[in-house]
Amino acid sequence: MSMRGGPFGGVAGPVRQTRDVRTTLRRLGGRLVPERLRLIAALVLGATSVGFMVAGPQILGSATNVLFDGIVSKRLPLGTTKAEAIAQLRHSGHAQLADMLQSMSLTPGVGVNLSRMGMILAVAVLVYVNGSLFNFLLGYTMAGVTQRTVRRLRGEVEDKLSRLPLAYFDSHSHGDVLSRVTNDIDNLTTTVQQGLSQLMTSLLTVLGVLGMMFWISPLLAAISLVVIPLALGTSALVARRSQRHFAAQWRSTGQLNGLVEETHTGHELVQIYGRVPAVVAEFESQNHALYLSSFRAQFLSGIIQPILQIVGNLNYVAIAVLGGYRVASGLLSLGAVTAFIQYSRQFTMPLTQIASQMNLLQSGVASAERVFEFLDAD
């Protein structure tokens, strides 16, 4: 049994931080080049899905206007015109109510147009069904891209295993090698499949929703933009702190696997030389190191989402209050404000999702570096 941090050696040295995230991401992106046509198709599918989903709130806002206009119209005197009804309200001292009716489509004495309402709701259902269908196709396409990419990567690893000299295996823990070619590749698979598609749809959603928000109300949209610098700043700050802990987590996993593998293989020698207490102590030490690195990585990356949710909720309240005031002033319709509130939720949701994906991305980058480190070994 070799003396490389196993039951007959000392505990492995301190875990190193991920060295160059950009280089690792660039190399990982190079593995996706053979799938570029499918990635373009995935981008088109994602954009189409987001387009349908972004159109939904605006359509539902139109349905809200039809409903609200019909309810208000029913309460106005039959036979009068919209202008006459507004003039009567102003004359009776209800100027604010008159301002609100100014932006509405009214037919005094007539109730809700049910046929138009049904048509709008049917279009909304069709839009959301199509959005879900294209999102399903996106997931199917990305699953294929991921599995083919990882299959090629596993092939490279298999070729590398057959070409490495025996000296490499004498100087590296067998368990750590196995962890690189199994655990790290599996973690990388999860990162690419979930993280890439999620980031793609989240970014497209932010752009699409932002465009609709500015189209409805530039003022309310400008208020919503306050979330972006806070989201980016928080994510960047936490990412710098948590990345080294994710690297430590996966290196500690490899070291612990190496200790278990060597102890299992040399079980008789451990018993003969009375090394059981030392092995148990070393296992507890490495297990505790894995616990600390995993806890710190998950904790740091996990605090991003709650922070952004708080900011999003405050933004939601501000939009609801200001939007209600603009409805009362006749500057916006009720349907426009309800649509904008939905867009504000859609706007903060992908930002929160991107932030929550940071832990997955950082974990995947740490695993990718370990795999590439193995492929670069001599």
Protein backbone atom coordinates (compact mmCIF):
# COMPACT_ATOMS: atom_id res chain seq x y z
CA MET A 1 0.00 0.00 0.00
CA SER A 2 1.40 3.38 -0.98
CA MET A 3 2.01 6.16 1.52
CA ARG A 4 0.03 9.04 -0.05
CA GLY A 5 -2.42 10.24 2.51
CA GLY A 6 -3.88 6.79 3.17
CA PRO A 7 -4.04 4.83 6.40
CA PHE A 8 -0.24 4.69 6.61
CA GLY A 9 0.38 8.32 5.70
CA GLY A 10 -0.55 11.73 7.00
CA VAL A 11 -3.64 13.69 6.26
CA ALA A 12 -3.53 15.31 2.85
CA GLY A 13 -2.46 18.92 2.58
CA PRO A 14 -4.79 21.88 2.57
CA VAL A 15 -7.32 22.04 -0.20
CA ARG A 16 -6.50 24.45 -2.98
CA GLN A 17 -8.84 27.06 -4.33
CA THR A 18 -10.16 26.84 -7.88
CA ARG A 19 -7.36 28.35 -9.90
CA ASP A 20 -8.91 29.92 -13.00
CA VAL A 21 -12.67 29.84 -13.44
CA ARG A 22 -12.52 31.52 -16.85
CA THR A 23 -10.08 28.98 -18.25
CA THR A 24 -12.18 26.11 -16.92
CA LEU A 25 -15.37 27.58 -18.40
CA ARG A 26 -13.61 28.18 -21.71
CA ARG A 27 -12.43 24.57 -21.87
CA LEU A 28 -15.88 23.35 -20.92
CA GLY A 29 -17.39 25.54 -23.62
CA GLY A 30 -14.98 24.01 -26.12
CA ARG A 31 -16.53 20.60 -25.38
CA LEU A 32 -19.88 22.04 -26.50
CA VAL A 33 -18.65 23.18 -29.93
CA PRO A 34 -19.71 19.93 -31.68
CA GLU A 35 -23.23 20.63 -30.41
CA ARG A 36 -23.37 24.22 -31.70
CA LEU A 37 -26.23 23.59 -34.15
CA ARG A 38 -28.33 21.96 -31.46
CA LEU A 39 -27.44 24.80 -29.09
CA ILE A 40 -28.68 27.30 -31.68
CA ALA A 41 -31.88 25.26 -31.97
CA ALA A 42 -32.16 25.29 -28.17
CA LEU A 43 -31.74 29.07 -28.18
CA VAL A 44 -34.54 29.43 -30.73
CA LEU A 45 -36.79 27.09 -28.73
CA GLY A 46 -36.02 28.98 -25.54
CA ALA A 47 -36.71 32.37 -27.14
CA THR A 48 -40.01 31.09 -28.57
CA SER A 49 -41.07 29.65 -25.22
CA VAL A 50 -40.18 32.87 -23.41
CA GLY A 51 -42.01 34.90 -26.06
CA PHE A 52 -45.23 32.99 -25.42
CA MET A 53 -44.84 33.22 -21.65
CA VAL A 54 -44.11 36.95 -21.80
CA ALA A 55 -47.21 37.56 -23.92
CA GLY A 56 -49.44 35.85 -21.33
CA PRO A 57 -49.72 38.65 -18.72
CA GLN A 58 -50.50 41.24 -21.39
CA ILE A 59 -53.34 39.07 -22.71
CA LEU A 60 -54.68 38.49 -19.20
CA GLY A 61 -54.43 42.23 -18.61
CA SER A 62 -56.72 42.75 -21.60
CA ALA A 63 -59.19 40.30 -20.05
CA THR A 64 -59.05 42.30 -16.81
CA ASN A 65 -59.84 45.48 -18.71
CA VAL A 66 -62.82 43.86 -20.44
CA LEU A 67 -64.17 42.64 -17.10
CA PHE A 68 -63.60 45.91 -15.23
CA ASP A 69 -64.88 48.08 -18.08
CA GLY A 70 -68.02 45.97 -18.30
CA ILE A 71 -68.70 46.20 -14.56
CA VAL A 72 -68.25 50.00 -14.56
CA SER A 73 -70.26 50.43 -17.78
CA LYS A 74 -73.19 48.55 -16.27
CA ARG A 75 -73.38 51.11 -13.45
CA LEU A 76 -73.53 54.10 -15.81
CA PRO A 77 -76.86 55.43 -17.16
CA LEU A 78 -77.98 53.68 -20.34
CA GLY A 79 -78.12 55.94 -23.38
CA THR A 80 -75.36 58.32 -22.31
CA THR A 81 -71.98 58.51 -23.95
CA LYS A 82 -68.63 58.04 -22.24
CA ALA A 83 -67.89 61.77 -22.51
CA GLU A 84 -71.25 62.66 -20.99
CA ALA A 85 -70.77 60.23 -18.10
CA ILE A 86 -67.32 61.66 -17.35
CA ALA A 87 -68.66 65.22 -17.53
CA GLN A 88 -71.44 64.35 -15.09
CA LEU A 89 -68.90 62.90 -12.64
CA ARG A 90 -66.74 66.03 -12.81
CA HIS A 91 -69.78 68.23 -12.34
CA SER A 92 -70.79 66.25 -9.23
CA GLY A 93 -67.32 66.64 -7.70
CA HIS A 94 -65.90 63.17 -8.50
CA ALA A 95 -62.96 64.42 -10.54
CA GLN A 96 -60.61 61.57 -9.56
CA LEU A 97 -63.16 58.95 -10.59
CA ALA A 98 -63.68 60.82 -13.84
CA ASP A 99 -59.92 60.73 -14.47
CA MET A 100 -59.90 56.97 -13.94
CA LEU A 101 -62.77 56.44 -16.39
CA GLN A 102 -60.92 58.53 -18.98
CA SER A 103 -58.52 55.65 -19.76
CA MET A 104 -61.28 53.00 -19.88
CA SER A 105 -63.28 51.66 -22.83
CA LEU A 106 -66.88 52.23 -21.69
CA THR A 107 -70.32 51.62 -23.14
CA PRO A 108 -72.74 53.03 -20.53
CA GLY A 109 -75.52 50.67 -19.54
CA VAL A 110 -73.90 47.61 -21.16
CA GLY A 111 -72.33 44.87 -19.03
CA VAL A 112 -69.34 42.60 -19.57
CA ASN A 113 -68.73 41.51 -23.16
CA LEU A 114 -68.65 37.77 -22.48
CA SER A 115 -67.89 36.76 -26.06
CA ARG A 116 -64.80 38.97 -26.15
CA MET A 117 -63.80 37.78 -22.69
CA GLY A 118 -64.07 34.15 -23.80
CA MET A 119 -62.01 34.83 -26.90
CA ILE A 120 -59.24 36.52 -24.90
CA LEU A 121 -59.11 33.68 -22.35
CA ALA A 122 -58.97 31.09 -25.15
CA VAL A 123 -56.00 32.93 -26.67
CA ALA A 124 -54.33 33.04 -23.23
CA VAL A 125 -54.74 29.28 -22.80
CA LEU A 126 -53.31 28.67 -26.28
CA VAL A 127 -50.35 30.95 -25.57
CA TYR A 128 -49.46 29.24 -22.29
CA VAL A 129 -49.86 25.75 -23.79
CA ASN A 130 -47.52 26.65 -26.66
CA GLY A 131 -45.03 28.16 -24.22
CA SER A 132 -45.00 24.95 -22.18
CA LEU A 133 -44.62 22.84 -25.33
CA PHE A 134 -41.57 24.78 -26.54
CA ASN A 135 -40.11 24.66 -23.04
CA PHE A 136 -40.47 20.86 -23.11
CA LEU A 137 -38.70 20.74 -26.48
CA LEU A 138 -35.94 22.92 -25.03
CA GLY A 139 -35.45 20.52 -22.12
CA TYR A 140 -35.38 17.54 -24.50
CA THR A 141 -32.80 19.22 -26.73
CA MET A 142 -30.56 20.25 -23.84
CA ALA A 143 -30.70 16.75 -22.36
CA GLY A 144 -29.37 15.36 -25.64
CA VAL A 145 -26.66 18.04 -25.85
CA THR A 146 -25.53 17.31 -22.30
CA GLN A 147 -25.44 13.54 -22.56
CA ARG A 148 -23.55 13.54 -25.87
CA THR A 149 -21.02 16.03 -24.48
CA VAL A 150 -20.49 14.02 -21.31
CA ARG A 151 -20.22 10.79 -23.30
CA ARG A 152 -17.34 12.29 -25.28
CA LEU A 153 -15.76 13.52 -22.05
CA ARG A 154 -16.04 10.05 -20.52
CA GLY A 155 -14.38 8.67 -23.64
CA GLU A 156 -11.47 11.07 -23.15
CA VAL A 157 -11.19 10.00 -19.52
CA GLU A 158 -11.22 6.32 -20.51
CA ASP A 159 -8.45 6.90 -23.06
CA LYS A 160 -6.46 8.82 -20.47
CA LEU A 161 -6.78 6.00 -17.95
CA SER A 162 -5.28 3.55 -20.43
CA ARG A 163 -2.37 5.88 -21.29
CA LEU A 164 -1.32 7.06 -17.84
CA PRO A 165 1.90 5.52 -16.49
CA LEU A 166 1.86 3.40 -13.35
CA ALA A 167 3.82 6.12 -11.59
CA TYR A 168 0.72 8.33 -11.66
CA PHE A 169 -1.38 5.76 -9.83
CA ASP A 170 1.43 5.21 -7.33
CA SER A 171 1.45 8.93 -6.50
CA HIS A 172 -2.31 9.51 -6.46
CA SER A 173 -5.02 8.00 -4.32
CA HIS A 174 -7.10 5.45 -6.23
CA GLY A 175 -10.24 6.72 -4.53
CA ASP A 176 -9.52 10.28 -5.63
CA VAL A 177 -9.04 9.12 -9.23
CA LEU A 178 -12.33 7.23 -9.08
CA SER A 179 -14.03 10.29 -7.61
CA ARG A 180 -12.80 12.44 -10.50
CA VAL A 181 -14.04 10.07 -13.19
CA THR A 182 -17.37 9.29 -11.50
CA ASN A 183 -18.59 11.83 -8.94
CA ASP A 184 -17.10 14.88 -10.64
CA ILE A 185 -18.34 13.92 -14.10
CA ASP A 186 -21.82 13.20 -12.73
CA ASN A 187 -21.83 16.58 -10.99
CA LEU A 188 -20.66 18.23 -14.20
CA THR A 189 -23.51 16.54 -16.09
CA THR A 190 -26.05 17.99 -13.68
CA THR A 191 -24.50 21.45 -13.97
CA VAL A 192 -24.55 21.52 -17.77
CA GLN A 193 -28.03 20.06 -18.17
CA GLN A 194 -29.78 22.11 -15.49
CA GLY A 195 -27.62 25.19 -15.27
CA LEU A 196 -27.16 25.95 -18.97
CA SER A 197 -30.84 25.71 -19.94
CA GLN A 198 -31.89 27.59 -16.80
CA LEU A 199 -29.44 30.41 -17.43
CA MET A 200 -30.52 30.61 -21.07
CA THR A 201 -34.24 30.87 -20.33
CA SER A 202 -33.66 33.20 -17.36
CA LEU A 203 -31.65 35.69 -19.41
CA LEU A 204 -34.17 35.59 -22.27
CA THR A 205 -37.01 36.08 -19.78
CA VAL A 206 -35.31 39.11 -18.23
CA LEU A 207 -34.87 40.73 -21.65
CA GLY A 208 -38.40 39.94 -22.84
CA VAL A 209 -40.10 41.01 -19.63
CA LEU A 210 -38.03 44.19 -19.42
CA GLY A 211 -39.13 45.15 -22.93
CA MET A 212 -42.81 44.64 -22.05
CA MET A 213 -42.43 46.61 -18.82
CA PHE A 214 -40.97 49.63 -20.64
CA TRP A 215 -43.74 49.35 -23.24
CA ILE A 216 -46.43 49.53 -20.53
CA SER A 217 -44.86 52.15 -18.25
CA PRO A 218 -41.28 53.47 -18.48
CA LEU A 219 -41.60 54.97 -14.98
CA LEU A 220 -42.58 51.70 -13.30
CA ALA A 221 -39.97 49.85 -15.36
CA ALA A 222 -37.25 52.22 -14.18
CA ILE A 223 -38.24 51.49 -10.57
CA SER A 224 -37.99 47.77 -11.26
CA LEU A 225 -34.44 48.17 -12.60
CA VAL A 226 -33.23 48.88 -9.07
CA VAL A 227 -33.22 45.11 -8.53
CA ILE A 228 -30.58 44.42 -11.21
CA PRO A 229 -27.45 46.04 -9.69
CA LEU A 230 -28.33 44.63 -6.28
CA ALA A 231 -28.78 41.14 -7.73
CA LEU A 232 -25.52 41.27 -9.68
CA GLY A 233 -23.57 42.78 -6.80
CA THR A 234 -24.85 40.25 -4.26
CA SER A 235 -24.21 37.32 -6.59
CA ALA A 236 -20.68 38.45 -7.43
CA LEU A 237 -19.79 39.08 -3.78
CA VAL A 238 -21.06 35.71 -2.57
CA ALA A 239 -19.64 33.84 -5.57
CA ARG A 240 -16.10 34.98 -4.80
CA ARG A 241 -16.41 33.74 -1.25
CA SER A 242 -18.17 30.44 -1.92
CA GLN A 243 -16.18 29.26 -4.96
CA ARG A 244 -13.16 28.19 -2.91
CA HIS A 245 -15.43 26.23 -0.58
CA PHE A 246 -16.99 24.35 -3.51
CA ALA A 247 -13.50 23.50 -4.74
CA ALA A 248 -12.65 22.30 -1.24
CA GLN A 249 -15.85 20.24 -1.09
CA TRP A 250 -15.05 18.17 -4.16
CA ARG A 251 -11.36 17.80 -3.33
CA SER A 252 -12.30 16.64 0.17
CA THR A 253 -14.73 14.18 -1.40
CA GLY A 254 -11.92 12.73 -3.49
CA GLN A 255 -9.57 12.52 -0.52
CA LEU A 256 -12.21 10.81 1.61
CA ASN A 257 -12.96 8.33 -1.16
CA GLY A 258 -9.25 7.64 -1.46
CA LEU A 259 -8.94 6.95 2.26
CA VAL A 260 -11.94 4.60 2.24
CA GLU A 261 -10.70 2.76 -0.85
CA GLU A 262 -7.17 2.27 0.51
CA THR A 263 -8.43 1.23 3.93
CA HIS A 264 -10.79 -1.30 2.38
CA THR A 265 -8.09 -2.68 0.08
CA GLY A 266 -5.50 -2.90 2.85
CA HIS A 267 -7.90 -4.00 5.57
CA GLU A 268 -5.70 -6.90 6.70
CA LEU A 269 -2.59 -4.70 6.89
CA VAL A 270 -4.50 -2.13 8.92
CA GLN A 271 -5.46 -4.86 11.39
CA ILE A 272 -2.00 -6.46 11.52
CA TYR A 273 -0.12 -3.22 12.17
CA GLY A 274 -2.69 -1.92 14.66
CA ARG A 275 -3.56 1.12 12.59
CA VAL A 276 -7.31 0.99 13.24
CA PRO A 277 -7.36 3.92 15.74
CA ALA A 278 -5.19 6.03 13.42
CA VAL A 279 -7.38 5.23 10.40
CA VAL A 280 -10.55 6.06 12.33
CA ALA A 281 -9.04 9.35 13.50
CA GLU A 282 -7.96 10.23 9.97
CA PHE A 283 -11.40 9.37 8.60
CA GLU A 284 -13.07 11.57 11.21
CA SER A 285 -10.68 14.40 10.39
CA GLN A 286 -11.30 14.20 6.63
CA ASN A 287 -15.03 13.68 7.12
CA HIS A 288 -15.15 16.81 9.29
CA ALA A 289 -13.21 18.76 6.66
CA LEU A 290 -15.74 17.66 4.02
CA TYR A 291 -18.60 18.67 6.31
CA LEU A 292 -17.14 22.14 6.89
CA SER A 293 -16.42 22.86 3.22
CA SER A 294 -19.84 21.57 2.12
CA PHE A 295 -21.67 23.55 4.81
CA ARG A 296 -19.84 26.78 4.04
CA ALA A 297 -20.32 26.42 0.28
CA GLN A 298 -24.04 25.66 0.54
CA PHE A 299 -24.66 28.32 3.18
CA LEU A 300 -22.92 31.12 1.31
CA SER A 301 -24.55 30.32 -2.02
CA GLY A 302 -27.92 29.75 -0.36
CA ILE A 303 -28.22 33.24 1.14
CA ILE A 304 -28.46 34.89 -2.29
CA GLN A 305 -32.01 33.80 -3.03
CA PRO A 306 -33.61 35.00 0.25
CA ILE A 307 -31.94 38.40 -0.10
CA LEU A 308 -33.24 38.83 -3.64
CA GLN A 309 -36.71 37.67 -2.61
CA ILE A 310 -36.86 40.40 0.03
CA VAL A 311 -35.80 43.02 -2.50
CA GLY A 312 -38.31 41.65 -5.01
CA ASN A 313 -41.13 41.86 -2.48
CA LEU A 314 -40.27 45.48 -1.66
CA ASN A 315 -40.18 46.25 -5.37
CA TYR A 316 -43.58 44.56 -5.74
CA VAL A 317 -45.11 46.76 -3.04
CA ALA A 318 -43.69 49.94 -4.61
CA ILE A 319 -45.06 49.01 -8.03
CA ALA A 320 -48.49 48.11 -6.63
CA VAL A 321 -48.80 51.41 -4.75
CA LEU A 322 -47.55 53.63 -7.58
CA GLY A 323 -49.48 51.62 -10.17
CA GLY A 324 -52.69 51.99 -8.19
CA TYR A 325 -52.16 55.73 -8.00
CA ARG A 326 -51.67 55.95 -11.78
CA VAL A 327 -54.86 53.94 -12.35
CA ALA A 328 -56.77 56.33 -10.09
CA SER A 329 -55.27 59.24 -12.03
CA GLY A 330 -56.34 57.77 -15.37
CA LEU A 331 -52.75 57.41 -16.59
CA LEU A 332 -52.89 53.60 -16.76
CA SER A 333 -55.64 51.05 -17.10
CA LEU A 334 -56.27 48.46 -14.40
CA GLY A 335 -55.34 45.69 -16.83
CA ALA A 336 -52.02 47.38 -17.62
CA VAL A 337 -51.14 47.58 -13.93
CA THR A 338 -52.13 43.98 -13.22
CA ALA A 339 -50.05 42.88 -16.21
CA PHE A 340 -47.13 44.99 -15.00
CA ILE A 341 -47.33 43.46 -11.52
CA GLN A 342 -47.15 40.00 -13.10
CA TYR A 343 -44.19 41.15 -15.19
CA SER A 344 -42.46 42.45 -12.06
CA ARG A 345 -42.76 38.94 -10.60
CA GLN A 346 -41.52 37.40 -13.83
CA PHE A 347 -38.64 39.89 -13.83
CA THR A 348 -37.40 39.15 -10.31
CA MET A 349 -38.01 35.40 -10.58
CA PRO A 350 -35.30 34.71 -13.23
CA LEU A 351 -32.87 36.96 -11.35
CA THR A 352 -33.51 34.87 -8.25
CA GLN A 353 -33.16 31.68 -10.29
CA ILE A 354 -29.85 32.86 -11.74
CA ALA A 355 -28.64 33.63 -8.23
CA SER A 356 -29.79 30.24 -6.97
CA GLN A 357 -27.97 28.57 -9.87
CA MET A 358 -24.69 30.07 -8.69
CA ASN A 359 -24.09 27.23 -6.24
CA LEU A 360 -24.73 24.68 -8.99
CA LEU A 361 -22.44 26.53 -11.38
CA GLN A 362 -19.64 26.91 -8.85
CA SER A 363 -19.90 23.26 -7.85
CA GLY A 364 -19.80 22.25 -11.51
CA VAL A 365 -16.77 24.46 -12.21
CA ALA A 366 -14.92 22.88 -9.29
CA SER A 367 -15.70 19.41 -10.65
CA ALA A 368 -14.75 20.42 -14.20
CA GLU A 369 -11.36 21.64 -13.01
CA ARG A 370 -10.71 18.32 -11.29
CA VAL A 371 -11.63 16.42 -14.46
CA PHE A 372 -9.46 18.64 -16.68
CA GLU A 373 -6.64 18.38 -14.15
CA PHE A 374 -6.82 14.61 -14.56
CA LEU A 375 -6.88 14.87 -18.38
CA ASP A 376 -3.79 17.13 -18.26
CA ALA A 377 -1.83 14.74 -16.03
CA ASP A 378 1.38 13.19 -17.38
